[in-house]
Amino acid sequence: MPIDATQPYNDSNIFARILRGELPAKTVYEDEFALAFHDINPQAPLHILVIPKGAYVSWDDFSARASDAEIAGFVRAVGQVARDHGLVAPGYRLLANIGVDGHQEIPHLHAHIFAGHPLGPMLAR
C-alpha cells in the first residue's frame, strides 16, 4: 500500500531492519553512506535497490535534511553500483517512487536500478 511520504520516519520499516542486520539482504555494495542489494521481487532481470543509511522517508526529506556528504555519498553509490554491474554502456533505468501518487511502498528513501534487457519507454497517463 502506498505511504504518505510527509509522515515521520518509521524505524520499523523493512529497510531500517535490513540496515540493523535484523533481516538478510543480498548485498552488492556498501559504504558509510549507502547500502545496495538485490530486490526480493525483481521487476527486471537485474533489479537493485540503493538506500541511504540515514533515516530519510523520501527524496524530499533527504534533500532537505541530509548532509552534503550523505547526499554526495548516496548519489555516488548509485553510480558505482551501475558501473560495477557494467550497466553504463547498455543503459539502465533509475527510479525513486515518492509518496502516494508515486506509489512509494516503503517509508525509507530508495532508488531502484532496473537493467538486463531493453526496458522500453516510460508511459504517462
PDB file of N, CA and C in Angstrom:
ATOM      1  N   MET A   1       0.844  -1.166   0.000  1.00  0.00           N
ATOM      2  CA  MET A   1       0.000   0.000   0.000  1.00  0.00           C
ATOM      3  C   MET A   1       0.900   1.243   0.000  1.00  0.00           C
ATOM      4  N   PRO A   2       0.651   2.205  -0.872  1.00  0.00           N
ATOM      5  CA  PRO A   2       1.463   3.421  -0.910  1.00  0.00           C
ATOM      6  C   PRO A   2       1.413   4.183   0.416  1.00  0.00           C
ATOM      7  N   ILE A   3       2.515   4.821   0.732  1.00  0.00           N
ATOM      8  CA  ILE A   3       2.633   5.543   2.002  1.00  0.00           C
ATOM      9  C   ILE A   3       2.640   7.051   1.782  1.00  0.00           C
ATOM     10  N   ASP A   4       2.311   7.782   2.812  1.00  0.00           N
ATOM     11  CA  ASP A   4       2.359   9.234   2.815  1.00  0.00           C
ATOM     12  C   ASP A   4       3.787   9.642   3.185  1.00  0.00           C
ATOM     13  N   ALA A   5       4.526  10.162   2.230  1.00  0.00           N
ATOM     14  CA  ALA A   5       5.938  10.493   2.441  1.00  0.00           C
ATOM     15  C   ALA A   5       6.143  11.732   3.303  1.00  0.00           C
ATOM     16  N   THR A   6       5.065  12.367   3.750  1.00  0.00           N
ATOM     17  CA  THR A   6       5.206  13.529   4.630  1.00  0.00           C
ATOM     18  C   THR A   6       5.183  13.130   6.102  1.00  0.00           C
ATOM     19  N   GLN A   7       4.925  11.858   6.377  1.00  0.00           N
ATOM     20  CA  GLN A   7       4.871  11.382   7.763  1.00  0.00           C
ATOM     21  C   GLN A   7       6.289  11.185   8.310  1.00  0.00           C
ATOM     22  N   PRO A   8       6.450  11.176   9.629  1.00  0.00           N
ATOM     23  CA  PRO A   8       7.775  10.960  10.225  1.00  0.00           C
ATOM     24  C   PRO A   8       8.332   9.585   9.867  1.00  0.00           C
ATOM     25  N   TYR A   9       9.643   9.473   9.943  1.00  0.00           N
ATOM     26  CA  TYR A   9      10.330   8.212   9.671  1.00  0.00           C
ATOM     27  C   TYR A   9       9.873   7.137  10.660  1.00  0.00           C
ATOM     28  N   ASN A  10       9.617   5.952  10.151  1.00  0.00           N
ATOM     29  CA  ASN A  10       9.214   4.809  10.968  1.00  0.00           C
ATOM     30  C   ASN A  10      10.364   3.806  10.961  1.00  0.00           C
ATOM     31  N   ASP A  11      11.062   3.671  12.088  1.00  0.00           N
ATOM     32  CA  ASP A  11      12.255   2.817  12.107  1.00  0.00           C
ATOM     33  C   ASP A  11      11.954   1.324  12.165  1.00  0.00           C
ATOM     34  N   SER A  12      10.696   0.943  12.028  1.00  0.00           N
ATOM     35  CA  SER A  12      10.385  -0.493  11.935  1.00  0.00           C
ATOM     36  C   SER A  12      10.203  -0.923  10.479  1.00  0.00           C
ATOM     37  N   ASN A  13      10.448  -0.016   9.509  1.00  0.00           N
ATOM     38  CA  ASN A  13      10.300  -0.394   8.102  1.00  0.00           C
ATOM     39  C   ASN A  13      11.354  -1.417   7.701  1.00  0.00           C
ATOM     40  N   ILE A  14      11.086  -2.130   6.637  1.00  0.00           N
ATOM     41  CA  ILE A  14      11.938  -3.256   6.228  1.00  0.00           C
ATOM     42  C   ILE A  14      13.375  -2.824   5.942  1.00  0.00           C
ATOM     43  N   PHE A  15      13.580  -1.634   5.365  1.00  0.00           N
ATOM     44  CA  PHE A  15      14.942  -1.208   5.050  1.00  0.00           C
ATOM     45  C   PHE A  15      15.709  -0.827   6.309  1.00  0.00           C
ATOM     46  N   ALA A  16      15.038  -0.240   7.286  1.00  0.00           N
ATOM     47  CA  ALA A  16      15.692   0.040   8.563  1.00  0.00           C
ATOM     48  C   ALA A  16      16.113  -1.267   9.230  1.00  0.00           C
ATOM     49  N   ARG A  17      15.255  -2.263   9.121  1.00  0.00           N
ATOM     50  CA  ARG A  17      15.572  -3.571   9.709  1.00  0.00           C
ATOM     51  C   ARG A  17      16.740  -4.237   8.976  1.00  0.00           C
ATOM     52  N   ILE A  18      16.819  -4.081   7.663  1.00  0.00           N
ATOM     53  CA  ILE A  18      17.965  -4.602   6.904  1.00  0.00           C
ATOM     54  C   ILE A  18      19.230  -3.876   7.340  1.00  0.00           C
ATOM     55  N   LEU A  19      19.172  -2.556   7.461  1.00  0.00           N
ATOM     56  CA  LEU A  19      20.343  -1.792   7.882  1.00  0.00           C
ATOM     57  C   LEU A  19      20.827  -2.200   9.273  1.00  0.00           C
ATOM     58  N   ARG A  20      19.914  -2.573  10.156  1.00  0.00           N
ATOM     59  CA  ARG A  20      20.295  -3.013  11.510  1.00  0.00           C
ATOM     60  C   ARG A  20      20.737  -4.476  11.543  1.00  0.00           C
ATOM     61  N   GLY A  21      20.664  -5.188  10.423  1.00  0.00           N
ATOM     62  CA  GLY A  21      21.071  -6.586  10.371  1.00  0.00           C
ATOM     63  C   GLY A  21      20.010  -7.547  10.877  1.00  0.00           C
ATOM     64  N   GLU A  22      18.782  -7.073  11.070  1.00  0.00           N
ATOM     65  CA  GLU A  22      17.693  -7.925  11.554  1.00  0.00           C
ATOM     66  C   GLU A  22      17.095  -8.785  10.440  1.00  0.00           C
ATOM     67  N   LEU A  23      17.241  -8.343   9.208  1.00  0.00           N
ATOM     68  CA  LEU A  23      16.745  -9.081   8.045  1.00  0.00           C
ATOM     69  C   LEU A  23      17.891  -9.237   7.052  1.00  0.00           C
ATOM     70  N   PRO A  24      17.948 -10.355   6.336  1.00  0.00           N
ATOM     71  CA  PRO A  24      19.034 -10.557   5.368  1.00  0.00           C
ATOM     72  C   PRO A  24      18.777  -9.776   4.076  1.00  0.00           C
ATOM     73  N   ALA A  25      19.854  -9.511   3.373  1.00  0.00           N
ATOM     74  CA  ALA A  25      19.780  -8.900   2.043  1.00  0.00           C
ATOM     75  C   ALA A  25      20.971  -9.402   1.239  1.00  0.00           C
ATOM     76  N   LYS A  26      20.774  -9.542  -0.059  1.00  0.00           N
ATOM     77  CA  LYS A  26      21.850  -9.958  -0.956  1.00  0.00           C
ATOM     78  C   LYS A  26      22.594  -8.691  -1.388  1.00  0.00           C
ATOM     79  N   THR A  27      23.538  -8.280  -0.552  1.00  0.00           N
ATOM     80  CA  THR A  27      24.262  -7.020  -0.714  1.00  0.00           C
ATOM     81  C   THR A  27      25.200  -7.061  -1.904  1.00  0.00           C
ATOM     82  N   VAL A  28      25.203  -5.968  -2.682  1.00  0.00           N
ATOM     83  CA  VAL A  28      26.132  -5.829  -3.800  1.00  0.00           C
ATOM     84  C   VAL A  28      27.076  -4.648  -3.600  1.00  0.00           C
ATOM     85  N   TYR A  29      26.754  -3.758  -2.673  1.00  0.00           N
ATOM     86  CA  TYR A  29      27.596  -2.593  -2.418  1.00  0.00           C
ATOM     87  C   TYR A  29      27.254  -2.044  -1.033  1.00  0.00           C
ATOM     88  N   GLU A  30      28.294  -1.590  -0.338  1.00  0.00           N
ATOM     89  CA  GLU A  30      28.065  -0.918   0.943  1.00  0.00           C
ATOM     90  C   GLU A  30      29.230  -0.002   1.235  1.00  0.00           C
ATOM     91  N   ASP A  31      28.916   1.183   1.722  1.00  0.00           N
ATOM     92  CA  ASP A  31      29.917   2.105   2.231  1.00  0.00           C
ATOM     93  C   ASP A  31      29.297   2.843   3.420  1.00  0.00           C
ATOM     94  N   GLU A  32      29.914   3.902   3.884  1.00  0.00           N
ATOM     95  CA  GLU A  32      29.410   4.586   5.076  1.00  0.00           C
ATOM     96  C   GLU A  32      28.087   5.300   4.851  1.00  0.00           C
ATOM     97  N   PHE A  33      27.720   5.551   3.583  1.00  0.00           N
ATOM     98  CA  PHE A  33      26.513   6.325   3.286  1.00  0.00           C
ATOM     99  C   PHE A  33      25.362   5.524   2.703  1.00  0.00           C
ATOM    100  N   ALA A  34      25.652   4.381   2.081  1.00  0.00           N
ATOM    101  CA  ALA A  34      24.615   3.677   1.333  1.00  0.00           C
ATOM    102  C   ALA A  34      24.801   2.166   1.382  1.00  0.00           C
ATOM    103  N   LEU A  35      23.697   1.485   1.128  1.00  0.00           N
ATOM    104  CA  LEU A  35      23.674   0.035   1.004  1.00  0.00           C
ATOM    105  C   LEU A  35      22.890  -0.291  -0.257  1.00  0.00           C
ATOM    106  N   ALA A  36      23.409  -1.216  -1.058  1.00  0.00           N
ATOM    107  CA  ALA A  36      22.713  -1.648  -2.274  1.00  0.00           C
ATOM    108  C   ALA A  36      22.577  -3.165  -2.234  1.00  0.00           C
ATOM    109  N   PHE A  37      21.397  -3.634  -2.641  1.00  0.00           N
ATOM    110  CA  PHE A  37      21.121  -5.066  -2.600  1.00  0.00           C
ATOM    111  C   PHE A  37      20.069  -5.421  -3.636  1.00  0.00           C
ATOM    112  N   HIS A  38      20.010  -6.701  -3.974  1.00  0.00           N
ATOM    113  CA  HIS A  38      19.035  -7.182  -4.946  1.00  0.00           C
ATOM    114  C   HIS A  38      17.627  -7.107  -4.360  1.00  0.00           C
ATOM    115  N   ASP A  39      16.682  -6.654  -5.187  1.00  0.00           N
ATOM    116  CA  ASP A  39      15.277  -6.605  -4.786  1.00  0.00           C
ATOM    117  C   ASP A  39      14.751  -8.038  -4.664  1.00  0.00           C
ATOM    118  N   ILE A  40      13.957  -8.317  -3.634  1.00  0.00           N
ATOM    119  CA  ILE A  40      13.426  -9.678  -3.455  1.00  0.00           C
ATOM    120  C   ILE A  40      12.266  -9.975  -4.399  1.00  0.00           C
ATOM    121  N   ASN A  41      11.744  -8.952  -5.065  1.00  0.00           N
ATOM    122  CA  ASN A  41      10.667  -9.124  -6.038  1.00  0.00           C
ATOM    123  C   ASN A  41      11.058  -8.383  -7.321  1.00  0.00           C
ATOM    124  N   PRO A  42      12.062  -8.903  -8.047  1.00  0.00           N
ATOM    125  CA  PRO A  42      12.614  -8.157  -9.185  1.00  0.00           C
ATOM    126  C   PRO A  42      11.601  -7.914 -10.297  1.00  0.00           C
ATOM    127  N   GLN A  43      11.665  -6.699 -10.839  1.00  0.00           N
ATOM    128  CA  GLN A  43      10.795  -6.289 -11.934  1.00  0.00           C
ATOM    129  C   GLN A  43      11.552  -6.221 -13.260  1.00  0.00           C
ATOM    130  N   ALA A  44      12.810  -6.628 -13.265  1.00  0.00           N
ATOM    131  CA  ALA A  44      13.661  -6.683 -14.454  1.00  0.00           C
ATOM    132  C   ALA A  44      14.704  -7.762 -14.185  1.00  0.00           C
ATOM    133  N   PRO A  45      15.406  -8.241 -15.218  1.00  0.00           N
ATOM    134  CA  PRO A  45      16.434  -9.257 -14.979  1.00  0.00           C
ATOM    135  C   PRO A  45      17.451  -8.843 -13.916  1.00  0.00           C
ATOM    136  N   LEU A  46      17.779  -7.562 -13.863  1.00  0.00           N
ATOM    137  CA  LEU A  46      18.614  -7.038 -12.790  1.00  0.00           C
ATOM    138  C   LEU A  46      17.824  -5.920 -12.124  1.00  0.00           C
ATOM    139  N   HIS A  47      17.585  -6.057 -10.824  1.00  0.00           N
ATOM    140  CA  HIS A  47      16.812  -5.055 -10.072  1.00  0.00           C
ATOM    141  C   HIS A  47      17.497  -4.904  -8.720  1.00  0.00           C
ATOM    142  N   ILE A  48      18.171  -3.783  -8.572  1.00  0.00           N
ATOM    143  CA  ILE A  48      18.932  -3.489  -7.360  1.00  0.00           C
ATOM    144  C   ILE A  48      18.329  -2.267  -6.683  1.00  0.00           C
ATOM    145  N   LEU A  49      18.253  -2.309  -5.375  1.00  0.00           N
ATOM    146  CA  LEU A  49      17.810  -1.172  -4.566  1.00  0.00           C
ATOM    147  C   LEU A  49      19.031  -0.529  -3.924  1.00  0.00           C
ATOM    148  N   VAL A  50      19.060   0.796  -3.924  1.00  0.00           N
ATOM    149  CA  VAL A  50      20.120   1.531  -3.238  1.00  0.00           C
ATOM    150  C   VAL A  50      19.431   2.415  -2.211  1.00  0.00           C
ATOM    151  N   ILE A  51      19.861   2.284  -0.956  1.00  0.00           N
ATOM    152  CA  ILE A  51      19.247   3.058   0.124  1.00  0.00           C
ATOM    153  C   ILE A  51      20.320   3.836   0.888  1.00  0.00           C
ATOM    154  N   PRO A  52      19.971   5.039   1.331  1.00  0.00           N
ATOM    155  CA  PRO A  52      20.904   5.741   2.210  1.00  0.00           C
ATOM    156  C   PRO A  52      20.872   5.094   3.595  1.00  0.00           C
ATOM    157  N   LYS A  53      21.948   5.199   4.316  1.00  0.00           N
ATOM    158  CA  LYS A  53      21.987   4.620   5.652  1.00  0.00           C
ATOM    159  C   LYS A  53      21.287   5.490   6.691  1.00  0.00           C
ATOM    160  N   GLY A  54      21.030   6.737   6.364  1.00  0.00           N
ATOM    161  CA  GLY A  54      20.317   7.616   7.268  1.00  0.00           C
ATOM    162  C   GLY A  54      18.823   7.388   7.210  1.00  0.00           C
ATOM    163  N   ALA A  55      18.129   7.898   8.224  1.00  0.00           N
ATOM    164  CA  ALA A  55      16.672   7.725   8.355  1.00  0.00           C
ATOM    165  C   ALA A  55      15.936   8.810   7.592  1.00  0.00           C
ATOM    166  N   TYR A  56      15.723   8.565   6.300  1.00  0.00           N
ATOM    167  CA  TYR A  56      15.038   9.523   5.429  1.00  0.00           C
ATOM    168  C   TYR A  56      13.849   8.839   4.774  1.00  0.00           C
ATOM    169  N   VAL A  57      12.694   9.476   4.842  1.00  0.00           N
ATOM    170  CA  VAL A  57      11.466   8.897   4.307  1.00  0.00           C
ATOM    171  C   VAL A  57      11.437   8.965   2.780  1.00  0.00           C
ATOM    172  N   SER A  58      11.859  10.095   2.214  1.00  0.00           N
ATOM    173  CA  SER A  58      11.675  10.326   0.781  1.00  0.00           C
ATOM    174  C   SER A  58      12.804  11.189   0.235  1.00  0.00           C
ATOM    175  N   TRP A  59      12.771  11.388  -1.081  1.00  0.00           N
ATOM    176  CA  TRP A  59      13.768  12.248  -1.715  1.00  0.00           C
ATOM    177  C   TRP A  59      13.663  13.666  -1.149  1.00  0.00           C
ATOM    178  N   ASP A  60      12.447  14.143  -0.941  1.00  0.00           N
ATOM    179  CA  ASP A  60      12.245  15.474  -0.382  1.00  0.00           C
ATOM    180  C   ASP A  60      12.873  15.572   1.008  1.00  0.00           C
ATOM    181  N   ASP A  61      12.596  14.600   1.860  1.00  0.00           N
ATOM    182  CA  ASP A  61      13.152  14.563   3.214  1.00  0.00           C
ATOM    183  C   ASP A  61      14.673  14.522   3.160  1.00  0.00           C
ATOM    184  N   PHE A  62      15.210  13.674   2.311  1.00  0.00           N
ATOM    185  CA  PHE A  62      16.655  13.506   2.162  1.00  0.00           C
ATOM    186  C   PHE A  62      17.309  14.798   1.674  1.00  0.00           C
ATOM    187  N   SER A  63      16.745  15.398   0.633  1.00  0.00           N
ATOM    188  CA  SER A  63      17.360  16.600   0.067  1.00  0.00           C
ATOM    189  C   SER A  63      17.283  17.783   1.034  1.00  0.00           C
ATOM    190  N   ALA A  64      16.297  17.788   1.917  1.00  0.00           N
ATOM    191  CA  ALA A  64      16.150  18.872   2.886  1.00  0.00           C
ATOM    192  C   ALA A  64      17.014  18.687   4.130  1.00  0.00           C
ATOM    193  N   ARG A  65      17.202  17.435   4.575  1.00  0.00           N
ATOM    194  CA  ARG A  65      17.841  17.213   5.885  1.00  0.00           C
ATOM    195  C   ARG A  65      19.214  16.551   5.847  1.00  0.00           C
ATOM    196  N   ALA A  66      19.546  15.839   4.779  1.00  0.00           N
ATOM    197  CA  ALA A  66      20.822  15.124   4.738  1.00  0.00           C
ATOM    198  C   ALA A  66      21.987  16.095   4.595  1.00  0.00           C
ATOM    199  N   SER A  67      23.122  15.683   5.110  1.00  0.00           N
ATOM    200  CA  SER A  67      24.332  16.492   4.955  1.00  0.00           C
ATOM    201  C   SER A  67      24.805  16.420   3.498  1.00  0.00           C
ATOM    202  N   ASP A  68      25.645  17.361   3.129  1.00  0.00           N
ATOM    203  CA  ASP A  68      26.213  17.341   1.782  1.00  0.00           C
ATOM    204  C   ASP A  68      26.957  16.032   1.540  1.00  0.00           C
ATOM    205  N   ALA A  69      27.659  15.549   2.556  1.00  0.00           N
ATOM    206  CA  ALA A  69      28.404  14.295   2.409  1.00  0.00           C
ATOM    207  C   ALA A  69      27.463  13.115   2.184  1.00  0.00           C
ATOM    208  N   GLU A  70      26.333  13.078   2.899  1.00  0.00           N
ATOM    209  CA  GLU A  70      25.365  11.997   2.705  1.00  0.00           C
ATOM    210  C   GLU A  70      24.763  12.034   1.305  1.00  0.00           C
ATOM    211  N   ILE A  71      24.424  13.225   0.836  1.00  0.00           N
ATOM    212  CA  ILE A  71      23.836  13.355  -0.496  1.00  0.00           C
ATOM    213  C   ILE A  71      24.847  12.912  -1.553  1.00  0.00           C
ATOM    214  N   ALA A  72      26.055  13.417  -1.470  1.00  0.00           N
ATOM    215  CA  ALA A  72      27.088  13.029  -2.435  1.00  0.00           C
ATOM    216  C   ALA A  72      27.371  11.536  -2.349  1.00  0.00           C
ATOM    217  N   GLY A  73      27.445  11.002  -1.135  1.00  0.00           N
ATOM    218  CA  GLY A  73      27.731   9.575  -0.968  1.00  0.00           C
ATOM    219  C   GLY A  73      26.653   8.694  -1.565  1.00  0.00           C
ATOM    220  N   PHE A  74      25.396   9.071  -1.381  1.00  0.00           N
ATOM    221  CA  PHE A  74      24.289   8.279  -1.933  1.00  0.00           C
ATOM    222  C   PHE A  74      24.298   8.326  -3.457  1.00  0.00           C
ATOM    223  N   VAL A  75      24.436   9.511  -4.021  1.00  0.00           N
ATOM    224  CA  VAL A  75      24.456   9.647  -5.481  1.00  0.00           C
ATOM    225  C   VAL A  75      25.644   8.882  -6.066  1.00  0.00           C
ATOM    226  N   ARG A  76      26.787   8.983  -5.427  1.00  0.00           N
ATOM    227  CA  ARG A  76      27.970   8.246  -5.908  1.00  0.00           C
ATOM    228  C   ARG A  76      27.781   6.738  -5.785  1.00  0.00           C
ATOM    229  N   ALA A  77      27.098   6.300  -4.751  1.00  0.00           N
ATOM    230  CA  ALA A  77      26.840   4.862  -4.586  1.00  0.00           C
ATOM    231  C   ALA A  77      25.993   4.331  -5.742  1.00  0.00           C
ATOM    232  N   VAL A  78      24.974   5.077  -6.138  1.00  0.00           N
ATOM    233  CA  VAL A  78      24.134   4.652  -7.271  1.00  0.00           C
ATOM    234  C   VAL A  78      25.004   4.496  -8.514  1.00  0.00           C
ATOM    235  N   GLY A  79      25.836   5.488  -8.795  1.00  0.00           N
ATOM    236  CA  GLY A  79      26.723   5.414  -9.959  1.00  0.00           C
ATOM    237  C   GLY A  79      27.709   4.264  -9.863  1.00  0.00           C
ATOM    238  N   GLN A  80      28.245   4.031  -8.674  1.00  0.00           N
ATOM    239  CA  GLN A  80      29.215   2.939  -8.503  1.00  0.00           C
ATOM    240  C   GLN A  80      28.566   1.583  -8.751  1.00  0.00           C
ATOM    241  N   VAL A  81      27.367   1.391  -8.247  1.00  0.00           N
ATOM    242  CA  VAL A  81      26.645   0.133  -8.474  1.00  0.00           C
ATOM    243  C   VAL A  81      26.425  -0.080  -9.974  1.00  0.00           C
ATOM    244  N   ALA A  82      26.011   0.968 -10.672  1.00  0.00           N
ATOM    245  CA  ALA A  82      25.807   0.860 -12.125  1.00  0.00           C
ATOM    246  C   ALA A  82      27.108   0.490 -12.828  1.00  0.00           C
ATOM    247  N   ARG A  83      28.202   1.136 -12.474  1.00  0.00           N
ATOM    248  CA  ARG A  83      29.495   0.809 -13.091  1.00  0.00           C
ATOM    249  C   ARG A  83      29.937  -0.604 -12.743  1.00  0.00           C
ATOM    250  N   ASP A  84      29.799  -0.976 -11.469  1.00  0.00           N
ATOM    251  CA  ASP A  84      30.217  -2.316 -11.035  1.00  0.00           C
ATOM    252  C   ASP A  84      29.485  -3.430 -11.784  1.00  0.00           C
ATOM    253  N   HIS A  85      28.262  -3.153 -12.203  1.00  0.00           N
ATOM    254  CA  HIS A  85      27.459  -4.158 -12.895  1.00  0.00           C
ATOM    255  C   HIS A  85      27.483  -4.007 -14.415  1.00  0.00           C
ATOM    256  N   GLY A  86      28.353  -3.146 -14.928  1.00  0.00           N
ATOM    257  CA  GLY A  86      28.508  -2.972 -16.363  1.00  0.00           C
ATOM    258  C   GLY A  86      27.277  -2.400 -17.047  1.00  0.00           C
ATOM    259  N   LEU A  87      26.573  -1.506 -16.359  1.00  0.00           N
ATOM    260  CA  LEU A  87      25.303  -1.005 -16.877  1.00  0.00           C
ATOM    261  C   LEU A  87      25.397   0.300 -17.653  1.00  0.00           C
ATOM    262  N   VAL A  88      26.531   0.974 -17.604  1.00  0.00           N
ATOM    263  CA  VAL A  88      26.624   2.292 -18.217  1.00  0.00           C
ATOM    264  C   VAL A  88      26.459   2.207 -19.734  1.00  0.00           C
ATOM    265  N   ALA A  89      27.172   1.311 -20.388  1.00  0.00           N
ATOM    266  CA  ALA A  89      27.096   1.219 -21.861  1.00  0.00           C
ATOM    267  C   ALA A  89      25.719   0.749 -22.352  1.00  0.00           C
ATOM    268  N   PRO A  90      25.177  -0.340 -21.825  1.00  0.00           N
ATOM    269  CA  PRO A  90      23.871  -0.760 -22.337  1.00  0.00           C
ATOM    270  C   PRO A  90      22.726   0.106 -21.826  1.00  0.00           C
ATOM    271  N   GLY A  91      22.918   0.730 -20.672  1.00  0.00           N
ATOM    272  CA  GLY A  91      21.899   1.592 -20.088  1.00  0.00           C
ATOM    273  C   GLY A  91      21.100   0.912 -18.999  1.00  0.00           C
ATOM    274  N   TYR A  92      20.416   1.722 -18.233  1.00  0.00           N
ATOM    275  CA  TYR A  92      19.601   1.239 -17.118  1.00  0.00           C
ATOM    276  C   TYR A  92      18.556   2.287 -16.798  1.00  0.00           C
ATOM    277  N   ARG A  93      17.597   1.914 -15.988  1.00  0.00           N
ATOM    278  CA  ARG A  93      16.577   2.857 -15.529  1.00  0.00           C
ATOM    279  C   ARG A  93      16.768   3.066 -14.039  1.00  0.00           C
ATOM    280  N   LEU A  94      16.704   4.330 -13.619  1.00  0.00           N
ATOM    281  CA  LEU A  94      16.820   4.698 -12.217  1.00  0.00           C
ATOM    282  C   LEU A  94      15.489   5.305 -11.812  1.00  0.00           C
ATOM    283  N   LEU A  95      14.904   4.790 -10.732  1.00  0.00           N
ATOM    284  CA  LEU A  95      13.571   5.218 -10.327  1.00  0.00           C
ATOM    285  C   LEU A  95      13.502   5.351  -8.812  1.00  0.00           C
ATOM    286  N   ALA A  96      12.896   6.440  -8.350  1.00  0.00           N
ATOM    287  CA  ALA A  96      12.585   6.606  -6.930  1.00  0.00           C
ATOM    288  C   ALA A  96      11.109   6.969  -6.841  1.00  0.00           C
ATOM    289  N   ASN A  97      10.328   6.120  -6.211  1.00  0.00           N
ATOM    290  CA  ASN A  97       8.901   6.375  -6.010  1.00  0.00           C
ATOM    291  C   ASN A  97       8.743   7.201  -4.740  1.00  0.00           C
ATOM    292  N   ILE A  98       7.979   8.295  -4.837  1.00  0.00           N
ATOM    293  CA  ILE A  98       7.808   9.183  -3.694  1.00  0.00           C
ATOM    294  C   ILE A  98       6.329   9.384  -3.420  1.00  0.00           C
ATOM    295  N   GLY A  99       5.904   9.059  -2.221  1.00  0.00           N
ATOM    296  CA  GLY A  99       4.544   9.344  -1.774  1.00  0.00           C
ATOM    297  C   GLY A  99       3.461   8.503  -2.413  1.00  0.00           C
ATOM    298  N   VAL A 100       2.230   8.851  -2.109  1.00  0.00           N
ATOM    299  CA  VAL A 100       1.062   8.080  -2.547  1.00  0.00           C
ATOM    300  C   VAL A 100       0.947   8.053  -4.062  1.00  0.00           C
ATOM    301  N   ASP A 101       0.979   9.211  -4.712  1.00  0.00           N
ATOM    302  CA  ASP A 101       0.837   9.242  -6.172  1.00  0.00           C
ATOM    303  C   ASP A 101       2.005   8.556  -6.874  1.00  0.00           C
ATOM    304  N   GLY A 102       3.187   8.579  -6.260  1.00  0.00           N
ATOM    305  CA  GLY A 102       4.352   7.899  -6.819  1.00  0.00           C
ATOM    306  C   GLY A 102       4.405   6.421  -6.481  1.00  0.00           C
ATOM    307  N   HIS A 103       3.450   5.951  -5.694  1.00  0.00           N
ATOM    308  CA  HIS A 103       3.310   4.559  -5.258  1.00  0.00           C
ATOM    309  C   HIS A 103       4.515   4.078  -4.432  1.00  0.00           C
ATOM    310  N   GLN A 104       5.003   4.946  -3.527  1.00  0.00           N
ATOM    311  CA  GLN A 104       6.069   4.545  -2.610  1.00  0.00           C
ATOM    312  C   GLN A 104       5.476   3.578  -1.594  1.00  0.00           C
ATOM    313  N   GLU A 105       6.121   2.419  -1.418  1.00  0.00           N
ATOM    314  CA  GLU A 105       5.595   1.397  -0.513  1.00  0.00           C
ATOM    315  C   GLU A 105       6.382   1.259   0.778  1.00  0.00           C
ATOM    316  N   ILE A 106       7.642   1.674   0.779  1.00  0.00           N
ATOM    317  CA  ILE A 106       8.488   1.572   1.969  1.00  0.00           C
ATOM    318  C   ILE A 106       8.847   2.987   2.410  1.00  0.00           C
ATOM    319  N   PRO A 107       8.627   3.338   3.684  1.00  0.00           N
ATOM    320  CA  PRO A 107       8.903   4.701   4.134  1.00  0.00           C
ATOM    321  C   PRO A 107      10.378   4.949   4.450  1.00  0.00           C
ATOM    322  N   HIS A 108      11.228   4.576   3.506  1.00  0.00           N
ATOM    323  CA  HIS A 108      12.664   4.843   3.573  1.00  0.00           C
ATOM    324  C   HIS A 108      13.095   5.137   2.142  1.00  0.00           C
ATOM    325  N   LEU A 109      13.752   6.274   1.918  1.00  0.00           N
ATOM    326  CA  LEU A 109      14.187   6.612   0.567  1.00  0.00           C
ATOM    327  C   LEU A 109      14.939   5.448  -0.048  1.00  0.00           C
ATOM    328  N   HIS A 110      14.616   5.135  -1.287  1.00  0.00           N
ATOM    329  CA  HIS A 110      15.345   4.107  -2.022  1.00  0.00           C
ATOM    330  C   HIS A 110      15.248   4.373  -3.506  1.00  0.00           C
ATOM    331  N   ALA A 111      16.315   4.027  -4.202  1.00  0.00           N
ATOM    332  CA  ALA A 111      16.353   4.136  -5.655  1.00  0.00           C
ATOM    333  C   ALA A 111      16.408   2.732  -6.228  1.00  0.00           C
ATOM    334  N   HIS A 112      15.596   2.507  -7.246  1.00  0.00           N
ATOM    335  CA  HIS A 112      15.601   1.238  -7.969  1.00  0.00           C
ATOM    336  C   HIS A 112      16.512   1.376  -9.185  1.00  0.00           C
ATOM    337  N   ILE A 113      17.368   0.407  -9.415  1.00  0.00           N
ATOM    338  CA  ILE A 113      18.135   0.303 -10.649  1.00  0.00           C
ATOM    339  C   ILE A 113      17.579  -0.907 -11.394  1.00  0.00           C
ATOM    340  N   PHE A 114      17.026  -0.658 -12.577  1.00  0.00           N
ATOM    341  CA  PHE A 114      16.482  -1.718 -13.431  1.00  0.00           C
ATOM    342  C   PHE A 114      17.385  -1.871 -14.642  1.00  0.00           C
ATOM    343  N   ALA A 115      17.710  -3.113 -15.011  1.00  0.00           N
ATOM    344  CA  ALA A 115      18.568  -3.342 -16.178  1.00  0.00           C
ATOM    345  C   ALA A 115      18.454  -4.802 -16.606  1.00  0.00           C
ATOM    346  N   GLY A 116      19.201  -5.122 -17.632  1.00  0.00           N
ATOM    347  CA  GLY A 116      19.291  -6.513 -18.064  1.00  0.00           C
ATOM    348  C   GLY A 116      18.560  -6.813 -19.356  1.00  0.00           C
ATOM    349  N   HIS A 117      17.766  -5.894 -19.847  1.00  0.00           N
ATOM    350  CA  HIS A 117      17.115  -6.009 -21.147  1.00  0.00           C
ATOM    351  C   HIS A 117      16.552  -4.627 -21.507  1.00  0.00           C
ATOM    352  N   PRO A 118      16.176  -4.426 -22.770  1.00  0.00           N
ATOM    353  CA  PRO A 118      15.562  -3.135 -23.119  1.00  0.00           C
ATOM    354  C   PRO A 118      14.284  -2.926 -22.302  1.00  0.00           C
ATOM    355  N   LEU A 119      14.183  -1.777 -21.661  1.00  0.00           N
ATOM    356  CA  LEU A 119      13.077  -1.511 -20.751  1.00  0.00           C
ATOM    357  C   LEU A 119      11.913  -0.791 -21.407  1.00  0.00           C
ATOM    358  N   GLY A 120      12.105  -0.278 -22.594  1.00  0.00           N
ATOM    359  CA  GLY A 120      11.028   0.405 -23.283  1.00  0.00           C
ATOM    360  C   GLY A 120      10.823   1.809 -22.723  1.00  0.00           C
ATOM    361  N   PRO A 121       9.954   2.565 -23.389  1.00  0.00           N
ATOM    362  CA  PRO A 121       9.728   3.950 -22.946  1.00  0.00           C
ATOM    363  C   PRO A 121       8.872   3.998 -21.691  1.00  0.00           C
ATOM    364  N   MET A 122       9.018   5.077 -20.968  1.00  0.00           N
ATOM    365  CA  MET A 122       8.129   5.349 -19.835  1.00  0.00           C
ATOM    366  C   MET A 122       6.827   5.875 -20.413  1.00  0.00           C
ATOM    367  N   LEU A 123       5.725   5.367 -19.956  1.00  0.00           N
ATOM    368  CA  LEU A 123       4.435   5.781 -20.465  1.00  0.00           C
ATOM    369  C   LEU A 123       3.712   6.608 -19.428  1.00  0.00           C
ATOM    370  N   ALA A 124       3.224   7.744 -19.825  1.00  0.00           N
ATOM    371  CA  ALA A 124       2.448   8.607 -18.927  1.00  0.00           C
ATOM    372  C   ALA A 124       0.957   8.445 -19.248  1.00  0.00           C
ATOM    373  N   ARG A 125       0.132   8.592 -18.259  1.00  0.00           N
ATOM    374  CA  ARG A 125      -1.324   8.515 -18.484  1.00  0.00           C
ATOM    375  C   ARG A 125      -1.887   9.893 -18.690  1.00  0.00           C
TER     376      ARG A 125
END
